[in-house]
Amino acid sequence: MSAENSSDAQVSRLRDRLYQFLLGAAAGLVFSLVPLYFVWISAAEVKSIETLLIAGFAIACGIASAFWGKPFLSRLLDLLNHIPPIA
């Protein structure tokens, strides 16, 4: 029975890490798209290097969020709150 509890705990930790990764990747994606909103006029001007940089930043934020957890996410969301509104 101890093995079942250990397995359940591992699954729970893995689920929490995956959840943190997805939240961090989503926040990183939003964080990287907000400044580019001012640069891009239309989607036709998007270059592949810009797409790769956005995806890389989102994945890096996801990995950092999975590693450091809620403190990293709170700092990232604080940075998002300090971006001036788009009018």
Protein backbone atom coordinates (compact mmCIF):
# COMPACT_ATOMS: atom_id res chain seq x y z
CA MET A 1 0.00 0.00 0.00
CA SER A 2 2.94 2.30 0.56
CA ALA A 3 3.93 1.93 -3.09
CA GLU A 4 0.48 3.11 -4.18
CA ASN A 5 0.74 6.22 -1.99
CA SER A 6 4.20 6.92 -3.38
CA SER A 7 2.94 6.51 -6.93
CA ASP A 8 0.00 8.83 -6.25
CA ALA A 9 2.34 11.43 -4.78
CA GLN A 10 4.61 11.25 -7.85
CA VAL A 11 1.65 11.65 -10.19
CA SER A 12 0.42 14.61 -8.16
CA ARG A 13 3.86 16.28 -8.28
CA LEU A 14 4.12 15.66 -12.03
CA ARG A 15 0.64 17.12 -12.55
CA ASP A 16 1.57 20.20 -10.52
CA ARG A 17 4.79 20.68 -12.51
CA LEU A 18 2.91 20.35 -15.80
CA TYR A 19 0.30 22.84 -14.61
CA GLN A 20 3.05 25.30 -13.60
CA PHE A 21 4.77 24.81 -16.97
CA LEU A 22 1.58 25.54 -18.91
CA LEU A 23 0.82 28.63 -16.84
CA GLY A 24 4.37 29.92 -17.28
CA ALA A 25 4.33 29.26 -21.02
CA ALA A 26 1.01 31.07 -21.42
CA ALA A 27 2.23 34.04 -19.37
CA GLY A 28 5.48 34.11 -21.35
CA LEU A 29 3.54 34.07 -24.61
CA VAL A 30 1.38 37.00 -23.52
CA PHE A 31 4.42 38.84 -22.16
CA SER A 32 6.28 38.48 -25.47
CA LEU A 33 3.31 39.39 -27.66
CA VAL A 34 2.41 42.65 -25.90
CA PRO A 35 5.55 44.58 -26.94
CA LEU A 36 5.38 43.15 -30.46
CA TYR A 37 1.86 44.51 -30.80
CA PHE A 38 3.41 47.95 -31.21
CA VAL A 39 5.84 46.72 -33.88
CA TRP A 40 3.68 44.49 -36.06
CA ILE A 41 1.24 46.20 -38.38
CA SER A 42 -0.13 43.03 -39.93
CA ALA A 43 0.40 39.30 -39.55
CA ALA A 44 1.91 39.23 -43.06
CA GLU A 45 5.05 40.90 -41.74
CA VAL A 46 5.84 38.23 -39.16
CA LYS A 47 9.25 36.69 -39.78
CA SER A 48 10.16 33.16 -38.83
CA ILE A 49 12.91 34.33 -36.47
CA GLU A 50 10.36 36.40 -34.54
CA THR A 51 8.09 33.39 -34.26
CA LEU A 52 10.98 31.26 -33.01
CA LEU A 53 11.96 33.89 -30.45
CA ILE A 54 8.40 34.13 -29.15
CA ALA A 55 8.10 30.34 -28.90
CA GLY A 56 11.52 30.10 -27.24
CA PHE A 57 10.63 32.76 -24.68
CA ALA A 58 7.33 31.05 -23.92
CA ILE A 59 9.06 27.68 -23.45
CA ALA A 60 11.78 29.27 -21.29
CA CYS A 61 9.13 30.88 -19.09
CA GLY A 62 7.35 27.54 -18.85
CA ILE A 63 10.53 25.74 -17.78
CA ALA A 64 11.40 28.46 -15.26
CA SER A 65 7.87 28.32 -13.90
CA ALA A 66 8.00 24.54 -13.57
CA PHE A 67 11.35 24.82 -11.77
CA TRP A 68 10.67 27.81 -9.46
CA GLY A 69 6.88 27.59 -9.28
CA LYS A 70 4.60 30.27 -7.92
CA PRO A 71 7.30 32.85 -7.00
CA PHE A 72 8.40 33.00 -10.64
CA LEU A 73 4.83 33.28 -11.89
CA SER A 74 4.04 36.06 -9.44
CA ARG A 75 7.10 38.03 -10.56
CA LEU A 76 6.23 37.51 -14.24
CA LEU A 77 2.65 38.62 -13.68
CA ASP A 78 3.87 41.66 -11.74
CA LEU A 79 5.91 42.60 -14.81
CA LEU A 80 2.79 42.23 -16.95
CA ASN A 81 0.91 44.54 -14.61
CA HIS A 82 3.56 47.26 -15.07
CA ILE A 83 3.15 47.36 -18.86
CA PRO A 84 1.17 50.48 -19.79
CA PRO A 85 -2.27 49.83 -21.29
CA ILE A 86 -2.64 49.80 -25.04
CA ALA A 87 -4.98 52.55 -26.10
